[in-house]
Amino acid sequence: MTDTPRPSDRFDEVAEAATRAFRLLPATPRDDPRLLAPGPRGPARRISTSPDTVERDLMKLVLTIVELLRQLIERQALHRVESGDLTDAQEETLGATLMALHDRMTELCTRYGLTLQDLNLDLGPLGTLLPPPD
């Protein structure tokens, strides 16, 4: 007899973990004491949907997703370099490609009047979408 957990046991563990996580988050804005505190609050950072800014806002969303993927790829590439999985030529190609992608992201942000910091969406209690710069 093995000690391999049955799938239903694993599902129960995941459900229990999700229940604990949801208990930590406020159910409504009224349940978040920060929102009830007196004093000025900064404006919520939301994507505007006015017809005048729809292209810029759509580009902001797309560029945010691309930047998130770029950072994930960069971290994976650094991991592969550190583990010695790549040849010197592959490392050079990878480095040049990542630098070109970063430059292109900067160009696109400039074209649409954005900065790379603008792409870091605030997810409320979860923090920001992108990790802080190293």
Protein backbone atom coordinates (compact mmCIF):
# COMPACT_ATOMS: atom_id res chain seq x y z
CA MET A 1 0.00 0.00 0.00
CA THR A 2 1.43 3.37 -1.02
CA ASP A 3 0.98 6.74 0.63
CA THR A 4 0.07 8.48 -2.63
CA PRO A 5 -2.76 10.92 -1.93
CA ARG A 6 -5.97 10.28 -3.80
CA PRO A 7 -7.08 13.01 -6.22
CA SER A 8 -10.08 13.83 -4.01
CA ASP A 9 -7.72 14.43 -1.06
CA ARG A 10 -5.67 16.84 -3.17
CA PHE A 11 -8.83 18.68 -4.27
CA ASP A 12 -9.86 19.01 -0.63
CA GLU A 13 -6.44 20.50 0.21
CA VAL A 14 -6.70 23.02 -2.62
CA ALA A 15 -10.26 23.95 -1.63
CA GLU A 16 -9.18 24.46 1.97
CA ALA A 17 -6.25 26.66 0.89
CA ALA A 18 -8.55 28.74 -1.32
CA THR A 19 -11.00 29.17 1.55
CA ARG A 20 -8.20 30.42 3.81
CA ALA A 21 -7.01 32.85 1.12
CA PHE A 22 -10.49 34.26 0.54
CA ARG A 23 -10.92 34.81 4.26
CA LEU A 24 -7.88 37.11 4.13
CA LEU A 25 -9.34 39.30 1.39
CA PRO A 26 -12.17 41.74 2.08
CA ALA A 27 -15.48 40.62 0.63
CA THR A 28 -16.64 44.16 -0.17
CA PRO A 29 -15.10 47.62 -0.06
CA ARG A 30 -16.90 48.15 3.27
CA ASP A 31 -14.85 45.27 4.74
CA ASP A 32 -11.54 46.94 3.91
CA PRO A 33 -10.61 49.30 6.77
CA ARG A 34 -8.30 51.29 4.50
CA LEU A 35 -11.30 52.33 2.41
CA LEU A 36 -13.29 53.44 5.47
CA ALA A 37 -10.50 55.53 6.97
CA PRO A 38 -11.09 59.30 6.83
CA GLY A 39 -8.84 61.43 4.72
CA PRO A 40 -8.00 61.77 1.06
CA ARG A 41 -7.45 58.71 -1.03
CA GLY A 42 -5.66 58.72 -4.31
CA PRO A 43 -7.71 58.14 -7.43
CA ALA A 44 -8.12 54.54 -8.48
CA ARG A 45 -5.82 53.64 -11.35
CA ARG A 46 -8.20 52.27 -13.93
CA ILE A 47 -8.08 52.04 -17.65
CA SER A 48 -10.31 54.72 -19.11
CA THR A 49 -12.78 53.67 -21.77
CA SER A 50 -13.52 57.01 -23.37
CA PRO A 51 -13.52 56.96 -27.17
CA ASP A 52 -10.71 59.51 -27.22
CA THR A 53 -8.28 57.34 -25.26
CA VAL A 54 -9.35 53.83 -26.24
CA GLU A 55 -6.31 53.19 -28.48
CA ARG A 56 -3.84 54.36 -25.82
CA ASP A 57 -5.60 52.39 -23.08
CA LEU A 58 -5.71 49.26 -25.19
CA MET A 59 -1.99 49.65 -25.94
CA LYS A 60 -1.35 50.12 -22.22
CA LEU A 61 -3.07 46.82 -21.49
CA VAL A 62 -1.28 44.99 -24.32
CA LEU A 63 2.10 46.45 -23.39
CA THR A 64 1.53 45.50 -19.74
CA ILE A 65 1.01 41.87 -20.74
CA VAL A 66 4.02 41.94 -23.08
CA GLU A 67 6.20 43.50 -20.35
CA LEU A 68 5.11 40.83 -17.87
CA LEU A 69 6.01 38.10 -20.37
CA ARG A 70 9.31 39.85 -21.21
CA GLN A 71 10.30 39.90 -17.55
CA LEU A 72 9.36 36.24 -17.12
CA ILE A 73 11.39 35.26 -20.19
CA GLU A 74 14.32 37.33 -18.95
CA ARG A 75 14.27 35.58 -15.56
CA GLN A 76 14.10 32.16 -17.24
CA ALA A 77 16.99 33.12 -19.53
CA LEU A 78 19.11 34.21 -16.55
CA HIS A 79 18.34 30.92 -14.84
CA ARG A 80 19.50 29.00 -17.94
CA VAL A 81 22.67 31.08 -18.18
CA GLU A 82 23.47 30.52 -14.50
CA SER A 83 22.88 26.79 -14.80
CA GLY A 84 25.22 26.56 -17.80
CA ASP A 85 22.61 25.21 -20.25
CA LEU A 86 23.63 27.58 -23.06
CA THR A 87 26.68 27.95 -25.23
CA ASP A 88 28.49 31.29 -25.37
CA ALA A 89 26.95 32.01 -28.78
CA GLN A 90 23.46 31.24 -27.47
CA GLU A 91 24.04 33.52 -24.48
CA GLU A 92 25.12 36.35 -26.79
CA THR A 93 22.09 35.88 -29.04
CA LEU A 94 19.74 35.72 -26.06
CA GLY A 95 21.25 38.85 -24.51
CA ALA A 96 21.00 40.80 -27.75
CA THR A 97 17.41 39.67 -28.27
CA LEU A 98 16.36 40.66 -24.75
CA MET A 99 18.03 44.08 -25.10
CA ALA A 100 16.31 44.65 -28.46
CA LEU A 101 12.95 43.68 -26.94
CA HIS A 102 13.49 46.08 -24.04
CA ASP A 103 14.41 48.88 -26.44
CA ARG A 104 11.31 48.18 -28.55
CA MET A 105 9.11 48.24 -25.44
CA THR A 106 10.58 51.62 -24.50
CA GLU A 107 9.91 52.92 -28.04
CA LEU A 108 6.29 51.75 -27.96
CA CYS A 109 5.75 53.29 -24.54
CA THR A 110 7.14 56.60 -25.80
CA ARG A 111 4.93 56.45 -28.90
CA TYR A 112 1.80 56.11 -26.75
CA GLY A 113 2.89 58.53 -24.03
CA LEU A 114 3.55 55.84 -21.42
CA THR A 115 6.45 54.89 -19.20
CA LEU A 116 7.42 51.40 -18.14
CA GLN A 117 6.20 52.37 -14.65
CA ASP A 118 2.74 53.08 -16.10
CA LEU A 119 2.52 49.43 -17.08
CA ASN A 120 2.82 48.24 -13.50
CA LEU A 121 -0.88 47.88 -12.65
CA ASP A 122 -1.96 48.14 -9.02
CA LEU A 123 -3.87 44.98 -8.06
CA GLY A 124 -5.11 46.37 -4.75
CA PRO A 125 -4.43 44.08 -1.80
CA LEU A 126 -2.30 41.82 -4.00
CA GLY A 127 0.20 44.59 -4.73
CA THR A 128 1.51 45.51 -8.16
CA LEU A 129 1.48 43.24 -11.19
CA LEU A 130 5.15 43.55 -12.08
CA PRO A 131 7.95 42.92 -9.61
CA PRO A 132 10.03 45.90 -8.51
CA PRO A 133 13.13 46.57 -10.61
CA ASP A 134 16.25 44.81 -9.35
